[in-house]
Amino acid sequence: MVFMKNPRWYLGFLGFLGLNGIPEVLTQDLFGSLWLLWFLWFLHFIPQRKP
């Protein structure tokens, strides 16, 4: 399954949906801000994981 083999692609897809679907929420809403922080935190740790 592509999601399991490449988690960065999966998270990137979620980010793509979020940024294109709810841009106002990401910039004005508290939930959107927390979601964006969670997303960036995940992207920070993924490259350090060993295959």
PDB file of N, CA and C in Angstrom:
ATOM      1  N   MET A   1       0.852  -1.199   0.000  1.00  0.00           N
ATOM      2  CA  MET A   1       0.000   0.000   0.000  1.00  0.00           C
ATOM      3  C   MET A   1       0.882   1.242   0.000  1.00  0.00           C
ATOM      4  N   VAL A   2       0.573   2.183  -0.869  1.00  0.00           N
ATOM      5  CA  VAL A   2       1.436   3.346  -1.051  1.00  0.00           C
ATOM      6  C   VAL A   2       1.541   4.187   0.212  1.00  0.00           C
ATOM      7  N   PHE A   3       0.482   4.215   1.041  1.00  0.00           N
ATOM      8  CA  PHE A   3       0.508   5.034   2.243  1.00  0.00           C
ATOM      9  C   PHE A   3       1.512   4.485   3.268  1.00  0.00           C
ATOM     10  N   MET A   4       1.609   3.163   3.319  1.00  0.00           N
ATOM     11  CA  MET A   4       2.515   2.546   4.283  1.00  0.00           C
ATOM     12  C   MET A   4       3.965   2.637   3.817  1.00  0.00           C
ATOM     13  N   LYS A   5       4.174   2.549   2.513  1.00  0.00           N
ATOM     14  CA  LYS A   5       5.537   2.592   1.990  1.00  0.00           C
ATOM     15  C   LYS A   5       6.082   4.015   1.943  1.00  0.00           C
ATOM     16  N   ASN A   6       5.193   4.997   1.810  1.00  0.00           N
ATOM     17  CA  ASN A   6       5.651   6.375   1.704  1.00  0.00           C
ATOM     18  C   ASN A   6       4.761   7.298   2.536  1.00  0.00           C
ATOM     19  N   PRO A   7       4.975   7.350   3.860  1.00  0.00           N
ATOM     20  CA  PRO A   7       4.139   8.174   4.737  1.00  0.00           C
ATOM     21  C   PRO A   7       4.236   9.658   4.431  1.00  0.00           C
ATOM     22  N   ARG A   8       5.353  10.095   3.867  1.00  0.00           N
ATOM     23  CA  ARG A   8       5.495  11.510   3.532  1.00  0.00           C
ATOM     24  C   ARG A   8       4.517  11.897   2.438  1.00  0.00           C
ATOM     25  N   TRP A   9       4.266  10.982   1.489  1.00  0.00           N
ATOM     26  CA  TRP A   9       3.297  11.246   0.428  1.00  0.00           C
ATOM     27  C   TRP A   9       1.905  11.373   1.014  1.00  0.00           C
ATOM     28  N   TYR A  10       1.595  10.491   1.974  1.00  0.00           N
ATOM     29  CA  TYR A  10       0.273  10.494   2.610  1.00  0.00           C
ATOM     30  C   TYR A  10       0.045  11.788   3.385  1.00  0.00           C
ATOM     31  N   LEU A  11       1.026  12.201   4.192  1.00  0.00           N
ATOM     32  CA  LEU A  11       0.907  13.440   4.958  1.00  0.00           C
ATOM     33  C   LEU A  11       0.885  14.645   4.031  1.00  0.00           C
ATOM     34  N   GLY A  12       1.646  14.565   2.947  1.00  0.00           N
ATOM     35  CA  GLY A  12       1.637  15.645   1.977  1.00  0.00           C
ATOM     36  C   GLY A  12       0.256  15.790   1.335  1.00  0.00           C
ATOM     37  N   PHE A  13      -0.385  14.648   1.103  1.00  0.00           N
ATOM     38  CA  PHE A  13      -1.733  14.664   0.528  1.00  0.00           C
ATOM     39  C   PHE A  13      -2.720  15.287   1.502  1.00  0.00           C
ATOM     40  N   LEU A  14      -2.600  14.938   2.785  1.00  0.00           N
ATOM     41  CA  LEU A  14      -3.471  15.533   3.803  1.00  0.00           C
ATOM     42  C   LEU A  14      -3.250  17.032   3.868  1.00  0.00           C
ATOM     43  N   GLY A  15      -1.986  17.441   3.790  1.00  0.00           N
ATOM     44  CA  GLY A  15      -1.666  18.863   3.813  1.00  0.00           C
ATOM     45  C   GLY A  15      -2.241  19.573   2.602  1.00  0.00           C
ATOM     46  N   PHE A  16      -2.171  18.908   1.449  1.00  0.00           N
ATOM     47  CA  PHE A  16      -2.722  19.473   0.225  1.00  0.00           C
ATOM     48  C   PHE A  16      -4.232  19.698   0.353  1.00  0.00           C
ATOM     49  N   LEU A  17      -4.929  18.698   0.898  1.00  0.00           N
ATOM     50  CA  LEU A  17      -6.375  18.821   1.096  1.00  0.00           C
ATOM     51  C   LEU A  17      -6.689  19.944   2.077  1.00  0.00           C
ATOM     52  N   GLY A  18      -5.923  20.015   3.153  1.00  0.00           N
ATOM     53  CA  GLY A  18      -6.163  21.031   4.174  1.00  0.00           C
ATOM     54  C   GLY A  18      -5.924  22.436   3.644  1.00  0.00           C
ATOM     55  N   LEU A  19      -4.794  22.626   2.957  1.00  0.00           N
ATOM     56  CA  LEU A  19      -4.445  23.960   2.474  1.00  0.00           C
ATOM     57  C   LEU A  19      -5.375  24.428   1.359  1.00  0.00           C
ATOM     58  N   ASN A  20      -5.916  23.495   0.580  1.00  0.00           N
ATOM     59  CA  ASN A  20      -6.783  23.881  -0.532  1.00  0.00           C
ATOM     60  C   ASN A  20      -8.264  23.877  -0.156  1.00  0.00           C
ATOM     61  N   GLY A  21      -8.605  23.168   0.919  1.00  0.00           N
ATOM     62  CA  GLY A  21     -10.011  23.056   1.283  1.00  0.00           C
ATOM     63  C   GLY A  21     -10.456  24.062   2.330  1.00  0.00           C
ATOM     64  N   ILE A  22      -9.567  24.378   3.281  1.00  0.00           N
ATOM     65  CA  ILE A  22      -9.968  25.272   4.365  1.00  0.00           C
ATOM     66  C   ILE A  22      -8.888  26.310   4.672  1.00  0.00           C
ATOM     67  N   PRO A  23      -8.506  27.131   3.686  1.00  0.00           N
ATOM     68  CA  PRO A  23      -7.436  28.115   3.906  1.00  0.00           C
ATOM     69  C   PRO A  23      -7.796  29.134   4.980  1.00  0.00           C
ATOM     70  N   GLU A  24      -9.082  29.538   5.052  1.00  0.00           N
ATOM     71  CA  GLU A  24      -9.477  30.497   6.071  1.00  0.00           C
ATOM     72  C   GLU A  24      -9.322  29.907   7.464  1.00  0.00           C
ATOM     73  N   VAL A  25      -9.672  28.620   7.585  1.00  0.00           N
ATOM     74  CA  VAL A  25      -9.565  27.957   8.885  1.00  0.00           C
ATOM     75  C   VAL A  25      -8.105  27.869   9.327  1.00  0.00           C
ATOM     76  N   LEU A  26      -7.226  27.524   8.372  1.00  0.00           N
ATOM     77  CA  LEU A  26      -5.818  27.369   8.704  1.00  0.00           C
ATOM     78  C   LEU A  26      -5.194  28.684   9.164  1.00  0.00           C
ATOM     79  N   THR A  27      -5.760  29.817   8.741  1.00  0.00           N
ATOM     80  CA  THR A  27      -5.146  31.101   9.053  1.00  0.00           C
ATOM     81  C   THR A  27      -5.856  31.849  10.174  1.00  0.00           C
ATOM     82  N   GLN A  28      -7.123  31.508  10.434  1.00  0.00           N
ATOM     83  CA  GLN A  28      -7.890  32.290  11.396  1.00  0.00           C
ATOM     84  C   GLN A  28      -8.394  31.486  12.591  1.00  0.00           C
ATOM     85  N   ASP A  29      -8.540  30.189  12.414  1.00  0.00           N
ATOM     86  CA  ASP A  29      -9.133  29.384  13.482  1.00  0.00           C
ATOM     87  C   ASP A  29      -8.074  28.698  14.336  1.00  0.00           C
ATOM     88  N   LEU A  30      -8.345  28.571  15.618  1.00  0.00           N
ATOM     89  CA  LEU A  30      -7.408  27.936  16.549  1.00  0.00           C
ATOM     90  C   LEU A  30      -7.181  26.476  16.186  1.00  0.00           C
ATOM     91  N   PHE A  31      -8.255  25.776  15.827  1.00  0.00           N
ATOM     92  CA  PHE A  31      -8.136  24.373  15.449  1.00  0.00           C
ATOM     93  C   PHE A  31      -7.239  24.220  14.234  1.00  0.00           C
ATOM     94  N   GLY A  32      -7.398  25.116  13.268  1.00  0.00           N
ATOM     95  CA  GLY A  32      -6.565  25.071  12.076  1.00  0.00           C
ATOM     96  C   GLY A  32      -5.102  25.299  12.411  1.00  0.00           C
ATOM     97  N   SER A  33      -4.848  26.206  13.338  1.00  0.00           N
ATOM     98  CA  SER A  33      -3.470  26.487  13.729  1.00  0.00           C
ATOM     99  C   SER A  33      -2.842  25.281  14.416  1.00  0.00           C
ATOM    100  N   LEU A  34      -3.598  24.639  15.297  1.00  0.00           N
ATOM    101  CA  LEU A  34      -3.093  23.454  15.983  1.00  0.00           C
ATOM    102  C   LEU A  34      -2.856  22.322  14.995  1.00  0.00           C
ATOM    103  N   TRP A  35      -3.757  22.172  14.011  1.00  0.00           N
ATOM    104  CA  TRP A  35      -3.606  21.129  13.003  1.00  0.00           C
ATOM    105  C   TRP A  35      -2.351  21.365  12.178  1.00  0.00           C
ATOM    106  N   LEU A  36      -2.103  22.637  11.840  1.00  0.00           N
ATOM    107  CA  LEU A  36      -0.928  22.969  11.040  1.00  0.00           C
ATOM    108  C   LEU A  36       0.350  22.687  11.829  1.00  0.00           C
ATOM    109  N   LEU A  37       0.347  23.011  13.118  1.00  0.00           N
ATOM    110  CA  LEU A  37       1.513  22.727  13.965  1.00  0.00           C
ATOM    111  C   LEU A  37       1.759  21.226  14.048  1.00  0.00           C
ATOM    112  N   TRP A  38       0.672  20.438  14.190  1.00  0.00           N
ATOM    113  CA  TRP A  38       0.797  18.982  14.245  1.00  0.00           C
ATOM    114  C   TRP A  38       1.391  18.448  12.942  1.00  0.00           C
ATOM    115  N   PHE A  39       0.908  18.999  11.817  1.00  0.00           N
ATOM    116  CA  PHE A  39       1.379  18.567  10.508  1.00  0.00           C
ATOM    117  C   PHE A  39       2.874  18.858  10.339  1.00  0.00           C
ATOM    118  N   LEU A  40       3.319  20.068  10.725  1.00  0.00           N
ATOM    119  CA  LEU A  40       4.729  20.436  10.611  1.00  0.00           C
ATOM    120  C   LEU A  40       5.584  19.588  11.545  1.00  0.00           C
ATOM    121  N   TRP A  41       5.047  19.273  12.739  1.00  0.00           N
ATOM    122  CA  TRP A  41       5.776  18.439  13.699  1.00  0.00           C
ATOM    123  C   TRP A  41       5.996  17.044  13.126  1.00  0.00           C
ATOM    124  N   PHE A  42       4.957  16.507  12.462  1.00  0.00           N
ATOM    125  CA  PHE A  42       5.070  15.188  11.855  1.00  0.00           C
ATOM    126  C   PHE A  42       6.111  15.186  10.738  1.00  0.00           C
ATOM    127  N   LEU A  43       6.081  16.215   9.901  1.00  0.00           N
ATOM    128  CA  LEU A  43       7.044  16.295   8.798  1.00  0.00           C
ATOM    129  C   LEU A  43       8.470  16.421   9.322  1.00  0.00           C
ATOM    130  N   HIS A  44       8.629  16.990  10.518  1.00  0.00           N
ATOM    131  CA  HIS A  44       9.967  17.157  11.089  1.00  0.00           C
ATOM    132  C   HIS A  44      10.557  15.817  11.513  1.00  0.00           C
ATOM    133  N   PHE A  45       9.711  14.905  12.003  1.00  0.00           N
ATOM    134  CA  PHE A  45      10.233  13.642  12.530  1.00  0.00           C
ATOM    135  C   PHE A  45      10.285  12.518  11.503  1.00  0.00           C
ATOM    136  N   ILE A  46       9.476  12.601  10.441  1.00  0.00           N
ATOM    137  CA  ILE A  46       9.438  11.506   9.462  1.00  0.00           C
ATOM    138  C   ILE A  46      10.792  11.216   8.803  1.00  0.00           C
ATOM    139  N   PRO A  47      11.567  12.224   8.372  1.00  0.00           N
ATOM    140  CA  PRO A  47      12.841  11.916   7.719  1.00  0.00           C
ATOM    141  C   PRO A  47      13.832  11.199   8.632  1.00  0.00           C
ATOM    142  N   GLN A  48      13.626  11.246   9.947  1.00  0.00           N
ATOM    143  CA  GLN A  48      14.554  10.611  10.873  1.00  0.00           C
ATOM    144  C   GLN A  48      14.238   9.137  11.091  1.00  0.00           C
ATOM    145  N   ARG A  49      13.063   8.696  10.608  1.00  0.00           N
ATOM    146  CA  ARG A  49      12.678   7.294  10.777  1.00  0.00           C
ATOM    147  C   ARG A  49      13.442   6.409   9.810  1.00  0.00           C
ATOM    148  N   LYS A  50      13.886   5.248  10.320  1.00  0.00           N
ATOM    149  CA  LYS A  50      14.610   4.306   9.477  1.00  0.00           C
ATOM    150  C   LYS A  50      13.640   3.367   8.772  1.00  0.00           C
ATOM    151  N   PRO A  51      13.884   3.059   7.495  1.00  0.00           N
ATOM    152  CA  PRO A  51      12.999   2.156   6.731  1.00  0.00           C
ATOM    153  C   PRO A  51      13.092   0.716   7.222  1.00  0.00           C
TER     154      PRO A  51
END
